[in-house]
Amino acid sequence: MVTAYQSKYGVQPAFTDKKPVTVCIEAVFGIPKSFSKAKRADALNGCIYPTKKPDADNIAKIVLDALNGVAYTDDTQVINLSVQKRYGEVPEVKVEITEVNNG
């Protein structure tokens, strides 16, 4: 994750000066091979969610800690956080960080 971030945005944190940020994390899980075609379709359409480990709070901790000092100066800057777990064709973690504008 760190390497992917740095290759796209560089090695200096983009969100510095303790400015507040919002972080949205989307954890995409691969569909189990044991799923039937109908259950697979339901998973891809968002009718079934991955209610398995890792927990959403553990995903958030891993992502925020990994990007600490990389994307932002410190994860204390995160004032708003959302984590979503879903199924998809390709397992991946998507992270969006936006600066919160004051007024």
PDB file of N, CA and C in Angstrom:
ATOM      1  N   MET A   1       0.828  -1.178   0.000  1.00  0.00           N
ATOM      2  CA  MET A   1       0.000   0.000   0.000  1.00  0.00           C
ATOM      3  C   MET A   1       0.878   1.249   0.000  1.00  0.00           C
ATOM      4  N   VAL A   2       1.885   1.251   0.840  1.00  0.00           N
ATOM      5  CA  VAL A   2       2.777   2.407   0.919  1.00  0.00           C
ATOM      6  C   VAL A   2       3.491   2.624  -0.411  1.00  0.00           C
ATOM      7  N   THR A   3       3.994   1.549  -0.996  1.00  0.00           N
ATOM      8  CA  THR A   3       4.701   1.641  -2.275  1.00  0.00           C
ATOM      9  C   THR A   3       3.776   2.175  -3.361  1.00  0.00           C
ATOM     10  N   ALA A   4       2.534   1.685  -3.393  1.00  0.00           N
ATOM     11  CA  ALA A   4       1.569   2.151  -4.393  1.00  0.00           C
ATOM     12  C   ALA A   4       1.290   3.637  -4.213  1.00  0.00           C
ATOM     13  N   TYR A   5       1.130   4.061  -2.975  1.00  0.00           N
ATOM     14  CA  TYR A   5       0.874   5.481  -2.710  1.00  0.00           C
ATOM     15  C   TYR A   5       2.058   6.333  -3.153  1.00  0.00           C
ATOM     16  N   GLN A   6       3.259   5.924  -2.742  1.00  0.00           N
ATOM     17  CA  GLN A   6       4.449   6.726  -3.050  1.00  0.00           C
ATOM     18  C   GLN A   6       4.750   6.754  -4.541  1.00  0.00           C
ATOM     19  N   SER A   7       4.454   5.669  -5.254  1.00  0.00           N
ATOM     20  CA  SER A   7       4.715   5.682  -6.695  1.00  0.00           C
ATOM     21  C   SER A   7       3.757   6.625  -7.420  1.00  0.00           C
ATOM     22  N   LYS A   8       2.567   6.808  -6.864  1.00  0.00           N
ATOM     23  CA  LYS A   8       1.593   7.705  -7.495  1.00  0.00           C
ATOM     24  C   LYS A   8       1.745   9.159  -7.039  1.00  0.00           C
ATOM     25  N   TYR A   9       2.032   9.369  -5.735  1.00  0.00           N
ATOM     26  CA  TYR A   9       2.025  10.716  -5.183  1.00  0.00           C
ATOM     27  C   TYR A   9       3.383  11.222  -4.697  1.00  0.00           C
ATOM     28  N   GLY A  10       4.391  10.379  -4.671  1.00  0.00           N
ATOM     29  CA  GLY A  10       5.705  10.792  -4.204  1.00  0.00           C
ATOM     30  C   GLY A  10       5.937  10.410  -2.752  1.00  0.00           C
ATOM     31  N   VAL A  11       7.123  10.686  -2.280  1.00  0.00           N
ATOM     32  CA  VAL A  11       7.499  10.240  -0.939  1.00  0.00           C
ATOM     33  C   VAL A  11       7.142  11.230   0.161  1.00  0.00           C
ATOM     34  N   GLN A  12       6.795  12.440  -0.177  1.00  0.00           N
ATOM     35  CA  GLN A  12       6.416  13.423   0.834  1.00  0.00           C
ATOM     36  C   GLN A  12       4.914  13.332   1.100  1.00  0.00           C
ATOM     37  N   PRO A  13       4.494  13.403   2.369  1.00  0.00           N
ATOM     38  CA  PRO A  13       3.061  13.387   2.669  1.00  0.00           C
ATOM     39  C   PRO A  13       2.330  14.522   1.952  1.00  0.00           C
ATOM     40  N   ALA A  14       1.204  14.197   1.355  1.00  0.00           N
ATOM     41  CA  ALA A  14       0.411  15.201   0.639  1.00  0.00           C
ATOM     42  C   ALA A  14      -0.390  16.067   1.603  1.00  0.00           C
ATOM     43  N   PHE A  15      -0.757  15.500   2.746  1.00  0.00           N
ATOM     44  CA  PHE A  15      -1.599  16.207   3.709  1.00  0.00           C
ATOM     45  C   PHE A  15      -0.756  16.518   4.939  1.00  0.00           C
ATOM     46  N   THR A  16      -0.185  17.718   4.946  1.00  0.00           N
ATOM     47  CA  THR A  16       0.720  18.122   6.021  1.00  0.00           C
ATOM     48  C   THR A  16       0.090  19.227   6.862  1.00  0.00           C
ATOM     49  N   ASP A  17       0.859  19.764   7.745  1.00  0.00           N
ATOM     50  CA  ASP A  17       0.445  20.895   8.582  1.00  0.00           C
ATOM     51  C   ASP A  17      -0.750  20.578   9.470  1.00  0.00           C
ATOM     52  N   LYS A  18      -0.920  19.295   9.788  1.00  0.00           N
ATOM     53  CA  LYS A  18      -2.005  18.875  10.698  1.00  0.00           C
ATOM     54  C   LYS A  18      -3.391  19.256  10.198  1.00  0.00           C
ATOM     55  N   LYS A  19      -3.539  19.419   8.881  1.00  0.00           N
ATOM     56  CA  LYS A  19      -4.851  19.729   8.330  1.00  0.00           C
ATOM     57  C   LYS A  19      -5.752  18.506   8.469  1.00  0.00           C
ATOM     58  N   PRO A  20      -7.037  18.701   8.810  1.00  0.00           N
ATOM     59  CA  PRO A  20      -7.935  17.558   8.978  1.00  0.00           C
ATOM     60  C   PRO A  20      -8.267  16.897   7.642  1.00  0.00           C
ATOM     61  N   VAL A  21      -8.392  15.570   7.684  1.00  0.00           N
ATOM     62  CA  VAL A  21      -8.705  14.811   6.478  1.00  0.00           C
ATOM     63  C   VAL A  21      -9.822  13.807   6.746  1.00  0.00           C
ATOM     64  N   THR A  22     -10.485  13.423   5.663  1.00  0.00           N
ATOM     65  CA  THR A  22     -11.473  12.355   5.661  1.00  0.00           C
ATOM     66  C   THR A  22     -10.863  11.178   4.919  1.00  0.00           C
ATOM     67  N   VAL A  23     -11.040   9.984   5.459  1.00  0.00           N
ATOM     68  CA  VAL A  23     -10.521   8.774   4.816  1.00  0.00           C
ATOM     69  C   VAL A  23     -11.682   7.812   4.568  1.00  0.00           C
ATOM     70  N   CYS A  24     -11.805   7.378   3.314  1.00  0.00           N
ATOM     71  CA  CYS A  24     -12.803   6.376   2.930  1.00  0.00           C
ATOM     72  C   CYS A  24     -12.051   5.140   2.451  1.00  0.00           C
ATOM     73  N   ILE A  25     -12.346   4.002   3.078  1.00  0.00           N
ATOM     74  CA  ILE A  25     -11.676   2.744   2.751  1.00  0.00           C
ATOM     75  C   ILE A  25     -12.715   1.762   2.225  1.00  0.00           C
ATOM     76  N   GLU A  26     -12.395   1.147   1.100  1.00  0.00           N
ATOM     77  CA  GLU A  26     -13.249   0.115   0.525  1.00  0.00           C
ATOM     78  C   GLU A  26     -12.406  -1.156   0.404  1.00  0.00           C
ATOM     79  N   ALA A  27     -12.754  -2.159   1.193  1.00  0.00           N
ATOM     80  CA  ALA A  27     -12.050  -3.438   1.159  1.00  0.00           C
ATOM     81  C   ALA A  27     -12.869  -4.406   0.324  1.00  0.00           C
ATOM     82  N   VAL A  28     -12.303  -4.833  -0.794  1.00  0.00           N
ATOM     83  CA  VAL A  28     -13.001  -5.729  -1.721  1.00  0.00           C
ATOM     84  C   VAL A  28     -12.449  -7.136  -1.525  1.00  0.00           C
ATOM     85  N   PHE A  29     -13.319  -8.048  -1.170  1.00  0.00           N
ATOM     86  CA  PHE A  29     -12.957  -9.442  -0.933  1.00  0.00           C
ATOM     87  C   PHE A  29     -13.291 -10.284  -2.158  1.00  0.00           C
ATOM     88  N   GLY A  30     -12.439 -11.253  -2.449  1.00  0.00           N
ATOM     89  CA  GLY A  30     -12.723 -12.191  -3.525  1.00  0.00           C
ATOM     90  C   GLY A  30     -13.914 -13.058  -3.164  1.00  0.00           C
ATOM     91  N   ILE A  31     -14.626 -13.505  -4.157  1.00  0.00           N
ATOM     92  CA  ILE A  31     -15.802 -14.338  -3.930  1.00  0.00           C
ATOM     93  C   ILE A  31     -15.344 -15.777  -3.696  1.00  0.00           C
ATOM     94  N   PRO A  32     -15.807 -16.398  -2.608  1.00  0.00           N
ATOM     95  CA  PRO A  32     -15.402 -17.781  -2.334  1.00  0.00           C
ATOM     96  C   PRO A  32     -15.795 -18.730  -3.468  1.00  0.00           C
ATOM     97  N   LYS A  33     -14.917 -19.665  -3.761  1.00  0.00           N
ATOM     98  CA  LYS A  33     -15.184 -20.645  -4.821  1.00  0.00           C
ATOM     99  C   LYS A  33     -16.389 -21.515  -4.498  1.00  0.00           C
ATOM    100  N   SER A  34     -16.722 -21.622  -3.216  1.00  0.00           N
ATOM    101  CA  SER A  34     -17.846 -22.457  -2.797  1.00  0.00           C
ATOM    102  C   SER A  34     -19.206 -21.827  -3.110  1.00  0.00           C
ATOM    103  N   PHE A  35     -19.226 -20.543  -3.474  1.00  0.00           N
ATOM    104  CA  PHE A  35     -20.489 -19.875  -3.797  1.00  0.00           C
ATOM    105  C   PHE A  35     -21.071 -20.436  -5.095  1.00  0.00           C
ATOM    106  N   SER A  36     -22.379 -20.673  -5.093  1.00  0.00           N
ATOM    107  CA  SER A  36     -23.074 -21.083  -6.319  1.00  0.00           C
ATOM    108  C   SER A  36     -23.114 -19.893  -7.275  1.00  0.00           C
ATOM    109  N   LYS A  37     -23.534 -20.126  -8.522  1.00  0.00           N
ATOM    110  CA  LYS A  37     -23.637 -19.034  -9.492  1.00  0.00           C
ATOM    111  C   LYS A  37     -24.602 -17.961  -9.006  1.00  0.00           C
ATOM    112  N   ALA A  38     -25.730 -18.394  -8.429  1.00  0.00           N
ATOM    113  CA  ALA A  38     -26.730 -17.441  -7.939  1.00  0.00           C
ATOM    114  C   ALA A  38     -26.174 -16.639  -6.759  1.00  0.00           C
ATOM    115  N   LYS A  39     -25.503 -17.307  -5.839  1.00  0.00           N
ATOM    116  CA  LYS A  39     -24.938 -16.616  -4.679  1.00  0.00           C
ATOM    117  C   LYS A  39     -23.804 -15.688  -5.103  1.00  0.00           C
ATOM    118  N   ARG A  40     -23.036 -16.123  -6.117  1.00  0.00           N
ATOM    119  CA  ARG A  40     -21.967 -15.288  -6.663  1.00  0.00           C
ATOM    120  C   ARG A  40     -22.546 -13.997  -7.252  1.00  0.00           C
ATOM    121  N   ALA A  41     -23.623 -14.136  -7.999  1.00  0.00           N
ATOM    122  CA  ALA A  41     -24.283 -12.968  -8.594  1.00  0.00           C
ATOM    123  C   ALA A  41     -24.802 -12.039  -7.500  1.00  0.00           C
ATOM    124  N   ASP A  42     -25.386 -12.615  -6.448  1.00  0.00           N
ATOM    125  CA  ASP A  42     -25.866 -11.802  -5.333  1.00  0.00           C
ATOM    126  C   ASP A  42     -24.713 -11.051  -4.667  1.00  0.00           C
ATOM    127  N   ALA A  43     -23.576 -11.720  -4.533  1.00  0.00           N
ATOM    128  CA  ALA A  43     -22.401 -11.084  -3.923  1.00  0.00           C
ATOM    129  C   ALA A  43     -21.918  -9.915  -4.777  1.00  0.00           C
ATOM    130  N   LEU A  44     -21.861 -10.105  -6.072  1.00  0.00           N
ATOM    131  CA  LEU A  44     -21.406  -9.046  -6.978  1.00  0.00           C
ATOM    132  C   LEU A  44     -22.395  -7.883  -7.043  1.00  0.00           C
ATOM    133  N   ASN A  45     -23.677  -8.168  -6.818  1.00  0.00           N
ATOM    134  CA  ASN A  45     -24.705  -7.125  -6.864  1.00  0.00           C
ATOM    135  C   ASN A  45     -24.912  -6.439  -5.517  1.00  0.00           C
ATOM    136  N   GLY A  46     -24.118  -6.797  -4.520  1.00  0.00           N
ATOM    137  CA  GLY A  46     -24.219  -6.150  -3.218  1.00  0.00           C
ATOM    138  C   GLY A  46     -25.347  -6.645  -2.348  1.00  0.00           C
ATOM    139  N   CYS A  47     -25.863  -7.825  -2.655  1.00  0.00           N
ATOM    140  CA  CYS A  47     -26.929  -8.408  -1.832  1.00  0.00           C
ATOM    141  C   CYS A  47     -26.361  -9.245  -0.686  1.00  0.00           C
ATOM    142  N   ILE A  48     -25.105  -9.658  -0.814  1.00  0.00           N
ATOM    143  CA  ILE A  48     -24.414 -10.429   0.212  1.00  0.00           C
ATOM    144  C   ILE A  48     -23.101  -9.704   0.518  1.00  0.00           C
ATOM    145  N   TYR A  49     -22.805  -9.558   1.782  1.00  0.00           N
ATOM    146  CA  TYR A  49     -21.579  -8.877   2.199  1.00  0.00           C
ATOM    147  C   TYR A  49     -20.649  -9.839   2.930  1.00  0.00           C
ATOM    148  N   PRO A  50     -19.346  -9.573   2.891  1.00  0.00           N
ATOM    149  CA  PRO A  50     -18.378 -10.421   3.590  1.00  0.00           C
ATOM    150  C   PRO A  50     -18.367 -10.144   5.100  1.00  0.00           C
ATOM    151  N   THR A  51     -19.172 -10.882   5.819  1.00  0.00           N
ATOM    152  CA  THR A  51     -19.229 -10.724   7.276  1.00  0.00           C
ATOM    153  C   THR A  51     -18.253 -11.710   7.906  1.00  0.00           C
ATOM    154  N   LYS A  52     -16.996 -11.529   7.554  1.00  0.00           N
ATOM    155  CA  LYS A  52     -15.918 -12.386   8.042  1.00  0.00           C
ATOM    156  C   LYS A  52     -14.737 -11.512   8.403  1.00  0.00           C
ATOM    157  N   LYS A  53     -13.736 -12.125   8.980  1.00  0.00           N
ATOM    158  CA  LYS A  53     -12.529 -11.387   9.353  1.00  0.00           C
ATOM    159  C   LYS A  53     -11.740 -11.035   8.104  1.00  0.00           C
ATOM    160  N   PRO A  54     -11.017  -9.929   8.113  1.00  0.00           N
ATOM    161  CA  PRO A  54     -10.821  -9.019   9.231  1.00  0.00           C
ATOM    162  C   PRO A  54     -12.020  -8.100   9.448  1.00  0.00           C
ATOM    163  N   ASP A  55     -12.169  -7.680  10.700  1.00  0.00           N
ATOM    164  CA  ASP A  55     -13.222  -6.742  11.061  1.00  0.00           C
ATOM    165  C   ASP A  55     -12.931  -5.385  10.426  1.00  0.00           C
ATOM    166  N   ALA A  56     -13.977  -4.608  10.212  1.00  0.00           N
ATOM    167  CA  ALA A  56     -13.822  -3.287   9.594  1.00  0.00           C
ATOM    168  C   ALA A  56     -12.890  -2.393  10.410  1.00  0.00           C
ATOM    169  N   ASP A  57     -12.975  -2.458  11.744  1.00  0.00           N
ATOM    170  CA  ASP A  57     -12.107  -1.605  12.556  1.00  0.00           C
ATOM    171  C   ASP A  57     -10.643  -2.013  12.437  1.00  0.00           C
ATOM    172  N   ASN A  58     -10.380  -3.306  12.235  1.00  0.00           N
ATOM    173  CA  ASN A  58      -8.998  -3.762  12.041  1.00  0.00           C
ATOM    174  C   ASN A  58      -8.462  -3.339  10.679  1.00  0.00           C
ATOM    175  N   ILE A  59      -9.318  -3.346   9.673  1.00  0.00           N
ATOM    176  CA  ILE A  59      -8.923  -2.861   8.345  1.00  0.00           C
ATOM    177  C   ILE A  59      -8.545  -1.386   8.445  1.00  0.00           C
ATOM    178  N   ALA A  60      -9.376  -0.610   9.129  1.00  0.00           N
ATOM    179  CA  ALA A  60      -9.104   0.819   9.285  1.00  0.00           C
ATOM    180  C   ALA A  60      -7.770   1.045   9.984  1.00  0.00           C
ATOM    181  N   LYS A  61      -7.514   0.316  11.050  1.00  0.00           N
ATOM    182  CA  LYS A  61      -6.269   0.493  11.800  1.00  0.00           C
ATOM    183  C   LYS A  61      -5.057   0.188  10.928  1.00  0.00           C
ATOM    184  N   ILE A  62      -5.112  -0.904  10.178  1.00  0.00           N
ATOM    185  CA  ILE A  62      -3.997  -1.284   9.310  1.00  0.00           C
ATOM    186  C   ILE A  62      -3.735  -0.203   8.263  1.00  0.00           C
ATOM    187  N   VAL A  63      -4.786   0.266   7.617  1.00  0.00           N
ATOM    188  CA  VAL A  63      -4.645   1.272   6.558  1.00  0.00           C
ATOM    189  C   VAL A  63      -4.142   2.595   7.131  1.00  0.00           C
ATOM    190  N   LEU A  64      -4.769   3.067   8.205  1.00  0.00           N
ATOM    191  CA  LEU A  64      -4.364   4.347   8.784  1.00  0.00           C
ATOM    192  C   LEU A  64      -2.933   4.301   9.288  1.00  0.00           C
ATOM    193  N   ASP A  65      -2.556   3.210   9.943  1.00  0.00           N
ATOM    194  CA  ASP A  65      -1.172   3.090  10.426  1.00  0.00           C
ATOM    195  C   ASP A  65      -0.177   3.024   9.270  1.00  0.00           C
ATOM    196  N   ALA A  66      -0.541   2.313   8.192  1.00  0.00           N
ATOM    197  CA  ALA A  66       0.365   2.179   7.043  1.00  0.00           C
ATOM    198  C   ALA A  66       0.613   3.523   6.370  1.00  0.00           C
ATOM    199  N   LEU A  67      -0.393   4.378   6.332  1.00  0.00           N
ATOM    200  CA  LEU A  67      -0.263   5.661   5.648  1.00  0.00           C
ATOM    201  C   LEU A  67       0.216   6.786   6.568  1.00  0.00           C
ATOM    202  N   ASN A  68       0.406   6.474   7.844  1.00  0.00           N
ATOM    203  CA  ASN A  68       0.909   7.448   8.815  1.00  0.00           C
ATOM    204  C   ASN A  68       2.325   7.873   8.424  1.00  0.00           C
ATOM    205  N   GLY A  69       2.522   9.174   8.224  1.00  0.00           N
ATOM    206  CA  GLY A  69       3.827   9.675   7.805  1.00  0.00           C
ATOM    207  C   GLY A  69       4.083   9.505   6.319  1.00  0.00           C
ATOM    208  N   VAL A  70       3.149   8.869   5.615  1.00  0.00           N
ATOM    209  CA  VAL A  70       3.292   8.644   4.172  1.00  0.00           C
ATOM    210  C   VAL A  70       2.320   9.539   3.411  1.00  0.00           C
ATOM    211  N   ALA A  71       1.031   9.433   3.721  1.00  0.00           N
ATOM    212  CA  ALA A  71       0.022  10.265   3.060  1.00  0.00           C
ATOM    213  C   ALA A  71      -0.269  11.528   3.854  1.00  0.00           C
ATOM    214  N   TYR A  72      -0.189  11.406   5.169  1.00  0.00           N
ATOM    215  CA  TYR A  72      -0.437  12.525   6.067  1.00  0.00           C
ATOM    216  C   TYR A  72       0.617  12.498   7.159  1.00  0.00           C
ATOM    217  N   THR A  73       0.766  13.623   7.825  1.00  0.00           N
ATOM    218  CA  THR A  73       1.801  13.725   8.853  1.00  0.00           C
ATOM    219  C   THR A  73       1.538  12.747   9.990  1.00  0.00           C
ATOM    220  N   ASP A  74       0.298  12.689  10.459  1.00  0.00           N
ATOM    221  CA  ASP A  74      -0.066  11.797  11.562  1.00  0.00           C
ATOM    222  C   ASP A  74      -1.538  11.423  11.444  1.00  0.00           C
ATOM    223  N   ASP A  75      -1.894  10.213  11.845  1.00  0.00           N
ATOM    224  CA  ASP A  75      -3.283   9.793  11.687  1.00  0.00           C
ATOM    225  C   ASP A  75      -4.236  10.480  12.663  1.00  0.00           C
ATOM    226  N   THR A  76      -3.717  11.320  13.538  1.00  0.00           N
ATOM    227  CA  THR A  76      -4.608  12.152  14.358  1.00  0.00           C
ATOM    228  C   THR A  76      -5.336  13.183  13.497  1.00  0.00           C
ATOM    229  N   GLN A  77      -4.850  13.400  12.269  1.00  0.00           N
ATOM    230  CA  GLN A  77      -5.498  14.325  11.336  1.00  0.00           C
ATOM    231  C   GLN A  77      -6.822  13.785  10.814  1.00  0.00           C
ATOM    232  N   VAL A  78      -7.039  12.484  10.922  1.00  0.00           N
ATOM    233  CA  VAL A  78      -8.257  11.859  10.396  1.00  0.00           C
ATOM    234  C   VAL A  78      -9.413  12.197  11.329  1.00  0.00           C
ATOM    235  N   ILE A  79     -10.348  12.997  10.811  1.00  0.00           N
ATOM    236  CA  ILE A  79     -11.494  13.397  11.631  1.00  0.00           C
ATOM    237  C   ILE A  79     -12.780  12.702  11.198  1.00  0.00           C
ATOM    238  N   ASN A  80     -12.744  12.079  10.031  1.00  0.00           N
ATOM    239  CA  ASN A  80     -13.904  11.362   9.521  1.00  0.00           C
ATOM    240  C   ASN A  80     -13.401  10.117   8.814  1.00  0.00           C
ATOM    241  N   LEU A  81     -14.012   8.968   9.110  1.00  0.00           N
ATOM    242  CA  LEU A  81     -13.535   7.696   8.585  1.00  0.00           C
ATOM    243  C   LEU A  81     -14.709   6.814   8.212  1.00  0.00           C
ATOM    244  N   SER A  82     -14.639   6.206   7.023  1.00  0.00           N
ATOM    245  CA  SER A  82     -15.643   5.209   6.652  1.00  0.00           C
ATOM    246  C   SER A  82     -14.924   3.987   6.100  1.00  0.00           C
ATOM    247  N   VAL A  83     -15.468   2.819   6.425  1.00  0.00           N
ATOM    248  CA  VAL A  83     -14.919   1.549   5.958  1.00  0.00           C
ATOM    249  C   VAL A  83     -16.069   0.720   5.416  1.00  0.00           C
ATOM    250  N   GLN A  84     -15.892   0.209   4.220  1.00  0.00           N
ATOM    251  CA  GLN A  84     -16.894  -0.663   3.614  1.00  0.00           C
ATOM    252  C   GLN A  84     -16.224  -1.951   3.190  1.00  0.00           C
ATOM    253  N   LYS A  85     -16.870  -3.071   3.495  1.00  0.00           N
ATOM    254  CA  LYS A  85     -16.411  -4.375   3.033  1.00  0.00           C
ATOM    255  C   LYS A  85     -17.424  -4.876   2.007  1.00  0.00           C
ATOM    256  N   ARG A  86     -16.920  -5.368   0.875  1.00  0.00           N
ATOM    257  CA  ARG A  86     -17.821  -5.914  -0.151  1.00  0.00           C
ATOM    258  C   ARG A  86     -17.098  -6.986  -0.938  1.00  0.00           C
ATOM    259  N   TYR A  87     -17.844  -7.732  -1.727  1.00  0.00           N
ATOM    260  CA  TYR A  87     -17.262  -8.729  -2.618  1.00  0.00           C
ATOM    261  C   TYR A  87     -17.016  -8.110  -3.992  1.00  0.00           C
ATOM    262  N   GLY A  88     -16.039  -8.643  -4.695  1.00  0.00           N
ATOM    263  CA  GLY A  88     -15.748  -8.203  -6.041  1.00  0.00           C
ATOM    264  C   GLY A  88     -14.946  -9.255  -6.783  1.00  0.00           C
ATOM    265  N   GLU A  89     -14.789  -9.063  -8.063  1.00  0.00           N
ATOM    266  CA  GLU A  89     -14.021 -10.003  -8.888  1.00  0.00           C
ATOM    267  C   GLU A  89     -12.551 -10.020  -8.488  1.00  0.00           C
ATOM    268  N   VAL A  90     -12.024  -8.845  -8.175  1.00  0.00           N
ATOM    269  CA  VAL A  90     -10.597  -8.716  -7.846  1.00  0.00           C
ATOM    270  C   VAL A  90     -10.459  -8.187  -6.418  1.00  0.00           C
ATOM    271  N   PRO A  91      -9.825  -8.959  -5.527  1.00  0.00           N
ATOM    272  CA  PRO A  91      -9.613  -8.455  -4.168  1.00  0.00           C
ATOM    273  C   PRO A  91      -8.668  -7.256  -4.187  1.00  0.00           C
ATOM    274  N   GLU A  92      -9.041  -6.218  -3.463  1.00  0.00           N
ATOM    275  CA  GLU A  92      -8.212  -5.015  -3.407  1.00  0.00           C
ATOM    276  C   GLU A  92      -8.683  -4.127  -2.266  1.00  0.00           C
ATOM    277  N   VAL A  93      -7.870  -3.158  -1.935  1.00  0.00           N
ATOM    278  CA  VAL A  93      -8.247  -2.142  -0.954  1.00  0.00           C
ATOM    279  C   VAL A  93      -8.111  -0.795  -1.640  1.00  0.00           C
ATOM    280  N   LYS A  94      -9.203  -0.044  -1.628  1.00  0.00           N
ATOM    281  CA  LYS A  94      -9.200   1.290  -2.217  1.00  0.00           C
ATOM    282  C   LYS A  94      -9.278   2.303  -1.082  1.00  0.00           C
ATOM    283  N   VAL A  95      -8.439   3.327  -1.156  1.00  0.00           N
ATOM    284  CA  VAL A  95      -8.403   4.351  -0.116  1.00  0.00           C
ATOM    285  C   VAL A  95      -8.505   5.718  -0.779  1.00  0.00           C
ATOM    286  N   GLU A  96      -9.417   6.525  -0.281  1.00  0.00           N
ATOM    287  CA  GLU A  96      -9.559   7.900  -0.763  1.00  0.00           C
ATOM    288  C   GLU A  96      -9.360   8.836   0.427  1.00  0.00           C
ATOM    289  N   ILE A  97      -8.457   9.775   0.276  1.00  0.00           N
ATOM    290  CA  ILE A  97      -8.179  10.740   1.337  1.00  0.00           C
ATOM    291  C   ILE A  97      -8.461  12.132   0.784  1.00  0.00           C
ATOM    292  N   THR A  98      -9.274  12.881   1.516  1.00  0.00           N
ATOM    293  CA  THR A  98      -9.567  14.244   1.086  1.00  0.00           C
ATOM    294  C   THR A  98      -9.372  15.196   2.272  1.00  0.00           C
ATOM    295  N   GLU A  99      -8.871  16.374   1.958  1.00  0.00           N
ATOM    296  CA  GLU A  99      -8.686  17.398   2.987  1.00  0.00           C
ATOM    297  C   GLU A  99     -10.031  18.017   3.317  1.00  0.00           C
ATOM    298  N   VAL A 100     -10.264  18.248   4.586  1.00  0.00           N
ATOM    299  CA  VAL A 100     -11.502  18.904   5.028  1.00  0.00           C
ATOM    300  C   VAL A 100     -11.261  20.403   4.997  1.00  0.00           C
ATOM    301  N   ASN A 101     -12.095  21.081   4.226  1.00  0.00           N
ATOM    302  CA  ASN A 101     -11.965  22.536   4.123  1.00  0.00           C
ATOM    303  C   ASN A 101     -12.761  23.185   5.239  1.00  0.00           C
ATOM    304  N   ASN A 102     -12.144  24.087   5.947  1.00  0.00           N
ATOM    305  CA  ASN A 102     -12.814  24.801   7.029  1.00  0.00           C
ATOM    306  C   ASN A 102     -13.563  25.998   6.458  1.00  0.00           C
ATOM    307  N   GLY A 103     -14.895  25.835   6.403  1.00  0.00           N
ATOM    308  CA  GLY A 103     -15.784  26.912   6.000  1.00  0.00           C
ATOM    309  C   GLY A 103     -15.474  27.469   4.698  1.00  0.00           C
TER     310      GLY A 103
END
